[in-house]
Amino acid sequence: MNKETTYTACESCLMPFYKDPGVRDSEKYCSYCFKNGKFCYEGNDLKEFQKIAYNGMRGIGVNTLKAKFFTWLIRFAPRWKK
């Protein structure tokens, strides 16, 4: 019996898909994290990715406290689990 998986948030940054303003190329990742068949950040350094995500959130007007909290949450995303 196949169990179909429905993703509701990005597995890289945890952004809910309903908040994604772009067109997604993947059912698992948001348009900020995955474009043209590959990750926008191809490295594996969580801290560096969090810094990029934080700056991106601040750049679109997310307040400092929310951006820090959402950045902290990224460590729990499936992509970053070891």
N, C-alpha and C. Protein backbone atom coordinates (compact mmCIF):
# COMPACT_ATOMS: atom_id res chain seq x y z
N MET A 1 0.84 -1.18 0.00
CA MET A 1 0.00 0.00 0.00
C MET A 1 0.89 1.25 0.00
N ASN A 2 0.73 2.11 -1.00
CA ASN A 2 1.50 3.34 -1.08
C ASN A 2 0.86 4.43 -0.24
N LYS A 3 1.69 5.11 0.49
CA LYS A 3 1.22 6.23 1.31
C LYS A 3 1.67 7.51 0.63
N GLU A 4 0.73 8.31 0.18
CA GLU A 4 1.07 9.55 -0.52
C GLU A 4 1.41 10.63 0.50
N THR A 5 2.52 11.31 0.28
CA THR A 5 2.95 12.37 1.18
C THR A 5 2.54 13.72 0.64
N THR A 6 1.94 14.52 1.50
CA THR A 6 1.58 15.88 1.13
C THR A 6 2.45 16.82 1.96
N TYR A 7 3.21 17.65 1.29
CA TYR A 7 4.10 18.59 1.96
C TYR A 7 3.38 19.92 2.10
N THR A 8 3.47 20.51 3.29
CA THR A 8 2.81 21.79 3.54
C THR A 8 3.81 22.91 3.81
N ALA A 9 5.09 22.54 4.01
CA ALA A 9 6.13 23.52 4.27
C ALA A 9 7.43 23.06 3.62
N CYS A 10 8.28 24.01 3.32
CA CYS A 10 9.57 23.73 2.69
C CYS A 10 10.43 22.86 3.61
N GLU A 11 11.03 21.83 3.06
CA GLU A 11 11.88 20.94 3.84
C GLU A 11 13.29 21.51 4.04
N SER A 12 13.54 22.70 3.52
CA SER A 12 14.83 23.33 3.70
C SER A 12 14.76 24.49 4.69
N CYS A 13 13.72 25.33 4.57
CA CYS A 13 13.62 26.52 5.43
C CYS A 13 12.37 26.53 6.32
N LEU A 14 11.47 25.59 6.12
CA LEU A 14 10.21 25.45 6.87
C LEU A 14 9.17 26.51 6.58
N MET A 15 9.36 27.32 5.53
CA MET A 15 8.35 28.31 5.18
C MET A 15 7.09 27.58 4.70
N PRO A 16 5.92 27.95 5.23
CA PRO A 16 4.68 27.34 4.75
C PRO A 16 4.47 27.66 3.27
N PHE A 17 4.05 26.68 2.51
CA PHE A 17 3.88 26.90 1.07
C PHE A 17 2.83 27.96 0.75
N TYR A 18 1.84 28.13 1.59
CA TYR A 18 0.82 29.14 1.29
C TYR A 18 1.39 30.56 1.37
N LYS A 19 2.57 30.72 1.97
CA LYS A 19 3.22 32.04 2.02
C LYS A 19 4.26 32.23 0.91
N ASP A 20 4.49 31.21 0.12
CA ASP A 20 5.49 31.29 -0.95
C ASP A 20 4.93 32.13 -2.09
N PRO A 21 5.58 33.27 -2.38
CA PRO A 21 5.07 34.15 -3.43
C PRO A 21 5.46 33.71 -4.85
N GLY A 22 6.38 32.78 -4.96
CA GLY A 22 6.88 32.35 -6.26
C GLY A 22 6.22 31.09 -6.77
N VAL A 23 6.75 30.61 -7.88
CA VAL A 23 6.28 29.36 -8.47
C VAL A 23 7.28 28.27 -8.07
N ARG A 24 6.80 27.24 -7.42
CA ARG A 24 7.68 26.18 -6.94
C ARG A 24 8.01 25.18 -8.04
N ASP A 25 9.28 24.75 -8.07
CA ASP A 25 9.76 23.72 -8.99
C ASP A 25 9.70 22.34 -8.34
N SER A 26 9.40 22.30 -7.05
CA SER A 26 9.45 21.05 -6.30
C SER A 26 8.28 20.98 -5.34
N GLU A 27 7.81 19.78 -5.07
CA GLU A 27 6.73 19.64 -4.10
C GLU A 27 7.26 19.69 -2.67
N LYS A 28 8.60 19.59 -2.49
CA LYS A 28 9.19 19.57 -1.16
C LYS A 28 9.83 20.89 -0.73
N TYR A 29 10.15 21.76 -1.69
CA TYR A 29 10.91 22.96 -1.39
C TYR A 29 10.24 24.21 -1.95
N CYS A 30 10.43 25.34 -1.26
CA CYS A 30 9.83 26.61 -1.69
C CYS A 30 10.62 27.21 -2.87
N SER A 31 10.05 28.25 -3.44
CA SER A 31 10.68 28.89 -4.60
C SER A 31 11.95 29.66 -4.21
N TYR A 32 12.13 29.97 -2.94
CA TYR A 32 13.35 30.64 -2.49
C TYR A 32 14.52 29.65 -2.37
N CYS A 33 14.21 28.40 -2.03
CA CYS A 33 15.25 27.41 -1.76
C CYS A 33 15.62 26.56 -2.97
N PHE A 34 14.70 26.39 -3.90
CA PHE A 34 14.91 25.44 -5.00
C PHE A 34 14.42 26.03 -6.31
N LYS A 35 15.33 26.21 -7.27
CA LYS A 35 14.99 26.76 -8.60
C LYS A 35 15.77 26.02 -9.67
N ASN A 36 15.14 25.87 -10.81
CA ASN A 36 15.80 25.24 -11.97
C ASN A 36 16.41 23.88 -11.64
N GLY A 37 15.72 23.11 -10.82
CA GLY A 37 16.16 21.75 -10.52
C GLY A 37 17.29 21.61 -9.52
N LYS A 38 17.65 22.71 -8.83
CA LYS A 38 18.72 22.61 -7.83
C LYS A 38 18.49 23.60 -6.70
N PHE A 39 19.17 23.35 -5.58
CA PHE A 39 19.07 24.25 -4.44
C PHE A 39 19.73 25.58 -4.77
N CYS A 40 19.15 26.66 -4.30
CA CYS A 40 19.76 27.98 -4.48
C CYS A 40 21.02 28.09 -3.61
N TYR A 41 20.97 27.49 -2.42
CA TYR A 41 22.16 27.38 -1.57
C TYR A 41 22.57 25.92 -1.60
N GLU A 42 23.65 25.63 -2.29
CA GLU A 42 24.06 24.25 -2.50
C GLU A 42 25.01 23.73 -1.42
N GLY A 43 25.40 24.60 -0.51
CA GLY A 43 26.31 24.18 0.55
C GLY A 43 25.61 23.33 1.60
N ASN A 44 26.37 22.98 2.63
CA ASN A 44 25.79 22.20 3.71
C ASN A 44 26.09 22.81 5.08
N ASP A 45 26.37 24.10 5.10
CA ASP A 45 26.66 24.82 6.34
C ASP A 45 25.37 25.48 6.84
N LEU A 46 24.79 24.89 7.89
CA LEU A 46 23.53 25.39 8.43
C LEU A 46 23.62 26.85 8.84
N LYS A 47 24.68 27.22 9.52
CA LYS A 47 24.83 28.61 10.00
C LYS A 47 24.85 29.60 8.83
N GLU A 48 25.55 29.24 7.77
CA GLU A 48 25.62 30.11 6.60
C GLU A 48 24.23 30.23 5.95
N PHE A 49 23.52 29.11 5.83
CA PHE A 49 22.18 29.13 5.27
C PHE A 49 21.24 29.98 6.13
N GLN A 50 21.36 29.86 7.44
CA GLN A 50 20.52 30.65 8.33
C GLN A 50 20.79 32.15 8.15
N LYS A 51 22.03 32.50 7.96
CA LYS A 51 22.39 33.91 7.75
C LYS A 51 21.76 34.43 6.45
N ILE A 52 21.83 33.63 5.40
CA ILE A 52 21.23 34.01 4.12
C ILE A 52 19.72 34.15 4.26
N ALA A 53 19.10 33.18 4.95
CA ALA A 53 17.65 33.22 5.15
C ALA A 53 17.24 34.45 5.98
N TYR A 54 17.99 34.73 7.03
CA TYR A 54 17.70 35.89 7.88
C TYR A 54 17.76 37.18 7.05
N ASN A 55 18.84 37.34 6.29
CA ASN A 55 18.98 38.54 5.46
C ASN A 55 17.86 38.64 4.43
N GLY A 56 17.45 37.50 3.88
CA GLY A 56 16.36 37.49 2.93
C GLY A 56 15.04 37.92 3.57
N MET A 57 14.78 37.41 4.76
CA MET A 57 13.55 37.80 5.46
C MET A 57 13.55 39.28 5.80
N ARG A 58 14.66 39.77 6.28
CA ARG A 58 14.76 41.20 6.60
C ARG A 58 14.59 42.04 5.34
N GLY A 59 15.10 41.53 4.23
CA GLY A 59 15.00 42.24 2.96
C GLY A 59 13.58 42.39 2.44
N ILE A 60 12.69 41.48 2.85
CA ILE A 60 11.30 41.59 2.41
C ILE A 60 10.40 42.18 3.51
N GLY A 61 11.03 42.69 4.57
CA GLY A 61 10.28 43.43 5.57
C GLY A 61 9.85 42.66 6.81
N VAL A 62 10.32 41.44 7.01
CA VAL A 62 10.00 40.69 8.23
C VAL A 62 10.74 41.36 9.38
N ASN A 63 10.03 41.61 10.49
CA ASN A 63 10.68 42.31 11.60
C ASN A 63 11.78 41.45 12.23
N THR A 64 12.67 42.10 12.92
CA THR A 64 13.88 41.46 13.45
C THR A 64 13.58 40.25 14.32
N LEU A 65 12.65 40.38 15.27
CA LEU A 65 12.35 39.29 16.19
C LEU A 65 11.78 38.08 15.46
N LYS A 66 10.85 38.30 14.55
CA LYS A 66 10.28 37.19 13.77
C LYS A 66 11.36 36.53 12.91
N ALA A 67 12.18 37.34 12.27
CA ALA A 67 13.24 36.79 11.40
C ALA A 67 14.21 35.94 12.21
N LYS A 68 14.56 36.39 13.41
CA LYS A 68 15.46 35.61 14.25
C LYS A 68 14.82 34.29 14.67
N PHE A 69 13.54 34.33 15.03
CA PHE A 69 12.84 33.12 15.44
C PHE A 69 12.74 32.12 14.29
N PHE A 70 12.30 32.59 13.12
CA PHE A 70 12.16 31.69 11.97
C PHE A 70 13.51 31.14 11.53
N THR A 71 14.55 31.96 11.65
CA THR A 71 15.90 31.50 11.32
C THR A 71 16.34 30.39 12.28
N TRP A 72 16.03 30.56 13.55
CA TRP A 72 16.37 29.53 14.55
C TRP A 72 15.65 28.22 14.24
N LEU A 73 14.39 28.29 13.80
CA LEU A 73 13.61 27.10 13.49
C LEU A 73 14.19 26.26 12.35
N ILE A 74 14.92 26.88 11.46
CA ILE A 74 15.46 26.18 10.28
C ILE A 74 16.25 24.93 10.68
N ARG A 75 16.88 24.95 11.82
CA ARG A 75 17.69 23.80 12.26
C ARG A 75 16.87 22.52 12.37
N PHE A 76 15.55 22.63 12.46
CA PHE A 76 14.68 21.46 12.58
C PHE A 76 14.13 20.97 11.26
N ALA A 77 14.47 21.65 10.16
CA ALA A 77 13.99 21.24 8.84
C ALA A 77 14.65 19.93 8.42
N PRO A 78 13.91 19.07 7.73
CA PRO A 78 14.46 17.77 7.31
C PRO A 78 15.79 17.86 6.55
N ARG A 79 15.97 18.89 5.75
CA ARG A 79 17.22 19.01 5.00
C ARG A 79 18.44 19.12 5.91
N TRP A 80 18.30 19.69 7.10
CA TRP A 80 19.43 19.97 7.96
C TRP A 80 19.61 18.97 9.09
N LYS A 81 18.73 18.00 9.18
CA LYS A 81 18.89 16.98 10.21
C LYS A 81 20.04 16.06 9.85
N LYS A 82 20.83 15.70 10.81
CA LYS A 82 22.00 14.86 10.54
C LYS A 82 21.75 13.44 10.94
